[in-house]
Protein backbone atom coordinates (compact mmCIF):
# COMPACT_ATOMS: atom_id res chain seq x y z
CA MET A 1 85.44 113.21 4.30
CA VAL A 2 85.10 115.65 7.20
CA LYS A 3 87.48 113.99 9.66
CA PRO A 4 90.69 114.19 7.55
CA ARG A 5 90.00 117.86 6.85
CA ILE A 6 89.63 118.58 10.58
CA LEU A 7 92.85 116.73 11.34
CA THR A 8 94.67 118.74 8.69
CA ILE A 9 93.46 122.03 10.21
CA VAL A 10 94.43 120.95 13.74
CA ALA A 11 97.87 119.83 12.57
CA PHE A 12 98.44 123.16 10.82
CA ALA A 13 97.37 125.08 13.96
CA MET A 14 99.74 123.06 16.16
CA ILE A 15 102.67 123.63 13.79
CA THR A 16 101.91 127.37 13.74
CA LEU A 17 101.68 127.50 17.55
CA LEU A 18 104.98 125.68 17.97
CA SER A 19 106.60 128.05 15.51
CA LEU A 20 105.34 131.10 17.40
CA THR A 21 106.46 129.61 20.71
CA SER A 22 109.97 129.03 19.44
CA CYS A 23 110.12 132.64 18.25
CA VAL A 24 109.06 133.91 21.67
CA LYS A 25 111.84 132.00 23.38
CA ASP A 26 114.41 133.74 21.21
CA ASP A 27 113.15 137.25 22.08
CA ASP A 28 115.32 139.54 24.15
CA SER A 29 114.26 139.44 27.81
CA TYR A 30 113.94 143.22 28.01
CA GLU A 31 111.28 143.19 25.28
CA ASN A 32 109.48 140.05 26.48
CA PRO A 33 107.75 140.75 29.82
CA PHE A 34 107.55 137.06 30.74
CA ALA A 35 111.01 135.92 29.65
CA ASP A 36 112.25 136.03 33.25
CA ALA A 37 109.37 134.02 34.72
CA VAL A 38 110.44 131.85 37.64
CA VAL A 39 109.10 128.48 38.76
CA ILE A 40 109.21 127.56 42.46
CA GLY A 41 109.40 123.81 42.96
CA GLU A 42 107.75 121.86 45.76
CA ASP A 43 111.16 121.56 47.41
CA GLY A 44 111.66 125.35 47.35
CA GLN A 45 114.19 125.23 44.54
CA THR A 46 113.73 127.86 41.82
CA SER A 47 114.16 127.57 38.08
CA ASN A 48 116.56 130.51 37.93
CA GLY A 49 118.54 129.96 41.11
CA SER A 50 116.85 132.72 43.15
CA SER A 51 116.67 132.14 46.88
CA PHE A 52 113.22 131.22 48.20
CA ILE A 53 111.88 131.74 51.73
CA SER A 54 108.28 130.88 52.57
CA ARG A 55 106.20 133.37 54.58
CA GLY A 56 103.04 131.33 55.17
CA ASP A 57 100.51 130.01 52.68
CA ARG A 58 100.39 133.10 50.46
CA GLY A 59 103.65 134.95 50.98
CA PHE A 60 107.28 134.30 50.10
CA PHE A 61 110.59 135.97 49.41
CA LEU A 62 112.39 135.59 46.11
CA ASP A 63 115.83 136.99 46.75
CA SER A 64 115.12 140.24 48.62
CA VAL A 65 111.59 140.92 47.32
CA LEU A 66 108.52 139.86 49.32
CA TYR A 67 105.56 138.65 47.22
CA GLU A 68 102.02 137.78 48.27
CA ILE A 69 99.26 135.95 46.38
CA TYR A 70 95.93 137.77 46.00
CA ASP A 71 93.23 135.88 44.12
CA ALA A 72 94.51 135.47 40.57
CA HIS A 73 97.63 137.63 40.77
CA ILE A 74 100.71 138.29 42.88
CA SER A 75 101.58 141.59 44.55
CA VAL A 76 104.93 142.98 45.65
CA VAL A 77 104.37 143.87 49.31
CA GLY A 78 107.82 144.50 50.78
CA CYS A 79 111.52 143.80 50.79
CA GLY A 80 114.22 142.43 53.06
CA LYS A 81 115.51 145.69 54.48
CA GLN A 82 118.72 144.23 55.87
CA THR A 83 119.65 142.08 52.90
CA SER A 84 118.43 144.19 49.99
CA GLY A 85 121.18 145.72 47.94
CA GLY A 86 122.20 146.55 44.42
CA GLU A 87 119.67 146.02 41.64
CA VAL A 88 116.24 144.72 42.57
CA LYS A 89 114.49 142.83 39.76
CA ILE A 90 110.81 142.13 40.17
CA PHE A 91 109.77 138.94 38.36
CA PRO A 92 106.80 139.38 35.99
CA ARG A 93 105.37 135.87 36.33
CA ILE A 94 105.76 133.25 39.06
CA THR A 95 104.66 129.62 39.25
CA TYR A 96 104.01 128.60 42.86
CA LYS A 97 102.34 125.42 44.10
CA LYS A 98 101.65 124.51 40.46
CA ASN A 99 99.69 127.71 39.80
CA THR A 100 101.05 130.50 37.61
CA TYR A 101 100.43 134.15 38.46
CA ASP A 102 101.24 137.51 36.90
CA VAL A 103 102.96 140.00 39.22
CA ALA A 104 100.45 142.80 38.68
CA LEU A 105 100.64 145.19 41.65
CA ILE A 106 103.17 146.94 43.88
CA VAL A 107 101.53 148.06 47.12
CA ASP A 108 102.01 151.37 48.97
CA GLU A 109 105.41 151.72 50.70
CA ALA A 110 106.61 148.38 49.32
CA PHE A 111 110.29 149.40 49.40
CA LYS A 112 110.13 151.89 52.25
CA ASN A 113 113.38 152.11 54.26
CA CYS A 114 115.27 149.77 51.89
CA ALA A 115 118.31 152.01 52.11
CA ASN A 116 120.72 149.68 50.29
CA ILE A 117 118.79 149.41 47.04
CA THR A 118 120.47 151.22 44.15
CA SER A 119 118.31 150.14 41.19
CA VAL A 120 114.77 148.87 40.63
CA VAL A 121 113.36 147.35 37.44
CA ILE A 122 109.55 147.36 37.10
CA PRO A 123 108.31 144.58 34.77
CA ALA A 124 105.75 145.00 31.99
CA SER A 125 103.26 142.86 33.95
CA VAL A 126 102.71 145.54 36.64
CA VAL A 127 99.45 147.43 36.10
CA ILE A 128 99.06 149.16 39.50
CA VAL A 129 101.76 151.08 41.37
CA GLY A 130 101.09 152.27 44.92
CA HIS A 131 102.16 155.49 46.61
CA ASN A 132 105.29 156.24 48.59
CA LEU A 133 107.16 153.24 47.18
CA PHE A 134 110.70 154.44 47.83
CA ASN A 135 110.47 156.48 51.03
CA ASP A 136 113.93 156.62 52.67
CA CYS A 137 115.56 154.53 49.92
CA LEU A 138 118.70 156.60 50.36
CA GLY A 139 120.83 154.70 47.84
CA LEU A 140 118.28 154.47 45.02
CA GLU A 141 119.64 156.00 41.81
CA ARG A 142 117.94 154.13 38.98
CA ILE A 143 114.30 153.31 38.25
CA VAL A 144 113.44 151.51 35.01
CA VAL A 145 110.02 150.48 33.70
CA GLU A 146 110.46 147.72 31.12
CA SER A 147 109.30 148.35 27.58
CA GLY A 148 105.95 146.74 26.85
CA ASN A 149 104.30 148.00 30.05
CA THR A 150 100.96 149.46 28.95
CA MET A 151 100.33 151.45 32.15
CA TYR A 152 103.66 153.03 33.12
CA ASP A 153 106.93 154.19 31.61
CA SER A 154 110.26 155.75 32.54
CA ARG A 155 110.56 157.86 29.39
CA ASP A 156 113.81 159.59 28.47
CA ASN A 157 115.66 157.62 31.18
CA CYS A 158 114.09 159.90 33.78
CA ASN A 159 114.60 157.44 36.68
CA ALA A 160 110.95 157.77 37.66
CA ILE A 161 107.63 155.96 37.19
CA ILE A 162 105.15 157.85 35.03
CA GLU A 163 101.54 156.84 34.44
CA THR A 164 101.49 156.82 30.65
CA ALA A 165 97.85 157.71 29.95
CA THR A 166 97.66 160.64 32.40
CA ASN A 167 101.31 161.82 32.37
CA LYS A 168 101.40 161.77 36.17
CA LEU A 169 104.77 161.20 37.81
CA MET A 170 104.06 158.55 40.46
CA CYS A 171 107.46 157.86 42.07
CA GLY A 172 110.99 159.17 41.80
CA CYS A 173 114.43 159.07 43.39
CA LYS A 174 117.39 161.38 44.00
CA THR A 175 118.56 161.24 40.36
CA SER A 176 115.14 161.73 38.77
CA PHE A 177 114.24 164.51 36.40
CA ILE A 178 110.76 165.51 35.27
CA PRO A 179 110.32 165.11 31.50
CA ASP A 180 108.36 167.54 29.35
CA GLY A 181 104.74 166.48 29.11
CA VAL A 182 104.37 165.43 32.75
CA THR A 183 101.28 167.21 34.06
CA SER A 184 101.40 166.50 37.79
CA ILE A 185 103.63 165.27 40.58
CA GLU A 186 101.57 162.77 42.54
CA GLY A 187 101.34 162.59 46.31
CA TYR A 188 104.43 161.14 48.05
CA ALA A 189 106.30 160.96 44.72
CA PHE A 190 109.60 162.09 46.31
CA SER A 191 108.69 161.65 49.96
CA GLY A 192 111.73 160.88 52.12
CA CYS A 193 114.10 161.38 49.18
CA THR A 194 116.76 163.05 51.31
CA GLY A 195 119.43 162.86 48.60
CA LEU A 196 117.47 165.05 46.18
CA THR A 197 119.37 168.34 45.89
CA SER A 198 117.58 169.96 42.94
CA ILE A 199 114.64 169.39 40.62
CA GLU A 200 113.37 171.32 37.60
CA PHE A 201 109.69 171.48 36.73
CA PRO A 202 108.73 171.67 33.05
CA ASN A 203 105.97 174.09 32.09
CA SER A 204 103.62 171.17 31.50
CA VAL A 205 103.27 170.56 35.27
CA THR A 206 100.04 172.02 36.68
CA SER A 207 99.83 170.46 40.16
CA ILE A 208 102.02 169.14 42.95
CA GLY A 209 100.32 166.54 45.14
CA ASP A 210 100.08 166.10 48.90
CA ARG A 211 103.42 165.38 50.57
CA ALA A 212 105.09 165.11 47.16
CA PHE A 213 108.46 166.30 48.56
CA TRP A 214 107.87 165.53 52.23
CA GLY A 215 111.24 165.43 53.99
CA CYS A 216 113.39 166.20 50.26
CA SER A 217 115.98 167.79 53.18
CA SER A 218 118.82 168.63 50.76
CA LEU A 219 116.69 170.95 48.62
CA ARG A 220 117.89 174.54 48.93
CA SER A 221 115.68 176.43 46.49
CA ILE A 222 112.39 175.80 44.70
CA THR A 223 111.12 177.57 41.60
CA ILE A 224 107.59 176.47 40.83
CA PRO A 225 106.89 177.06 37.12
CA GLU A 226 104.14 179.16 35.62
CA GLY A 227 101.14 176.94 34.96
CA VAL A 228 101.05 175.21 38.35
CA THR A 229 97.69 176.01 39.92
CA GLN A 230 97.88 174.18 43.22
CA ILE A 231 100.30 172.79 45.77
CA GLY A 232 98.99 169.92 47.88
CA ILE A 233 98.94 169.47 51.64
CA ALA A 234 102.44 169.34 53.18
CA ALA A 235 103.97 169.14 49.70
CA PHE A 236 107.39 170.45 50.84
CA TYR A 237 107.05 169.69 54.54
CA GLY A 238 110.40 169.08 56.22
CA CYS A 239 112.64 170.47 53.46
CA SER A 240 114.91 171.75 56.19
CA SER A 241 117.66 173.16 53.94
CA LEU A 242 115.23 175.23 51.87
CA THR A 243 116.13 178.93 51.79
CA SER A 244 114.38 180.36 48.70
CA ILE A 245 110.92 179.81 47.18
CA THR A 246 109.52 181.24 43.94
CA ILE A 247 105.75 181.05 43.50
CA PRO A 248 104.21 181.66 40.03
CA ALA A 249 101.31 183.95 39.17
CA SER A 250 99.25 180.91 38.12
CA LEU A 251 99.22 179.41 41.63
CA ALA A 252 95.74 179.68 43.12
CA ASN A 253 95.84 177.36 46.14
CA VAL A 254 98.54 176.49 48.66
CA GLY A 255 97.73 173.45 50.82
CA ASN A 256 97.98 173.27 54.60
CA TRP A 257 101.51 172.91 56.00
CA SER A 258 103.01 173.13 52.50
CA PHE A 259 106.28 174.64 53.75
CA GLU A 260 106.22 173.75 57.43
CA ARG A 261 109.41 172.47 59.08
CA CYS A 262 111.37 174.58 56.59
CA PRO A 263 112.88 176.91 59.21
CA ASN A 264 115.69 178.32 57.05
CA VAL A 265 113.55 180.05 54.41
CA THR A 266 114.79 183.63 54.04
CA GLU A 267 113.15 184.75 50.79
CA ILE A 268 109.84 184.10 49.06
CA HIS A 269 109.14 185.51 45.61
CA CYS A 270 105.44 185.70 44.70
CA LEU A 271 105.01 186.60 41.03
CA GLY A 272 101.24 187.04 41.03
CA THR A 273 99.53 190.41 41.39
CA MET A 274 96.90 188.59 43.46
CA PRO A 275 98.05 186.45 46.40
CA PRO A 276 97.46 182.69 46.19
CA SER A 277 94.51 181.53 48.27
CA ARG A 278 95.27 179.99 51.65
CA ILE A 279 93.45 177.52 53.85
CA ASP A 280 93.40 178.63 57.48
CA TYR A 281 96.20 176.40 58.68
CA THR A 282 99.71 177.76 58.52
CA CYS A 283 101.82 177.14 55.44
CA PHE A 284 105.14 178.30 56.93
CA ASP A 285 106.96 177.93 60.23
CA TYR A 286 106.26 180.73 62.68
CA GLU A 287 109.81 182.10 62.52
CA VAL A 288 109.66 182.40 58.73
CA TYR A 289 107.02 185.13 58.97
CA SER A 290 109.48 187.29 60.89
CA GLN A 291 112.82 186.36 59.30
CA ALA A 292 111.96 185.97 55.61
CA THR A 293 111.42 188.71 53.05
CA LEU A 294 108.30 188.35 50.93
CA TYR A 295 108.94 189.81 47.47
CA VAL A 296 105.85 190.85 45.47
CA PRO A 297 105.26 192.61 42.10
CA GLN A 298 105.45 196.38 41.86
CA GLY A 299 102.31 198.08 43.13
CA CYS A 300 101.04 194.97 44.95
CA LYS A 301 102.41 195.46 48.46
CA LYS A 302 99.10 196.72 49.86
CA THR A 303 97.24 193.79 48.30
CA TYR A 304 99.48 191.28 50.07
CA GLU A 305 99.39 193.24 53.33
CA ASN A 306 95.60 192.92 53.31
CA ALA A 307 95.45 189.25 52.25
CA SER A 308 94.72 186.65 54.91
CA GLY A 309 97.85 184.74 55.83
CA TRP A 310 100.22 186.75 53.66
CA ASN A 311 99.70 189.76 55.92
CA GLU A 312 101.57 187.83 58.63
CA PHE A 313 104.90 188.56 56.92
CA ARG A 314 106.66 191.43 58.62
CA ASN A 315 108.86 192.33 55.68
CA ILE A 316 107.08 192.71 52.30
CA VAL A 317 109.10 194.28 49.49
CA GLU A 318 108.07 195.15 45.92
CA GLU A 319 110.41 194.05 43.13
């Protein structure tokens, strides 16, 4: 009496599983993070027609993206700098040598110097994104995180990668904007983004990380919003076209070399009645202290003249 009942249950489970599987296959690929999975055959042929080039036992190119196997997952570790162009699609799941892996991580500087890339799609399988991903990606205009990713998003079509739980902006490009609700700009987020000409900070931003805009050379003016309390080390280092800086009253700490290699700064507006703290290393180029005008609130000139670092400015004017 027991055996027929067990067989009936098993049969029902198999029918249900097959039904669910058939539904999954009909899902739109944008919603299904594994719809674009690719199988690499023993002969190097791929299930979707992508080009395959082996790079040793653990590494291989699929089209222009370099993947490497780490334990139970695959990481994106680089790109073909000469051949990369147009849209780069990272596959969410890959079968290689009869083992199937999720593509779970993109390492630091994975796409550095890939100047021909114009668009990158981050799959839902990715759970860790490194720093400085798109340094010197001069042509990059579009960054999309697929729906279904539980760690990151590109909300409001912002062309950036945002860590969903913390609202930290991890990486951006020359067309990015910072959505409301983002609380910090992470280190290296726009490093080497020479095409970035302007960026607006929502009031939700409270910190700008180390080297966040390192080398952003087309930027001409920066207005840091009220609410930001700290600027990281070398945050705007090498913004060579920068002429005007506005610093809010909320800013307490300015990191070392924050505005070094910005030789064309001619005006700095500090809105706080108390000067932001400074670490001993210089924040500005030497010539800026003599050529730029430091504007401070009414009645605060003496305070700035007596503050370490800020007293190096030769021309302090109340406004």
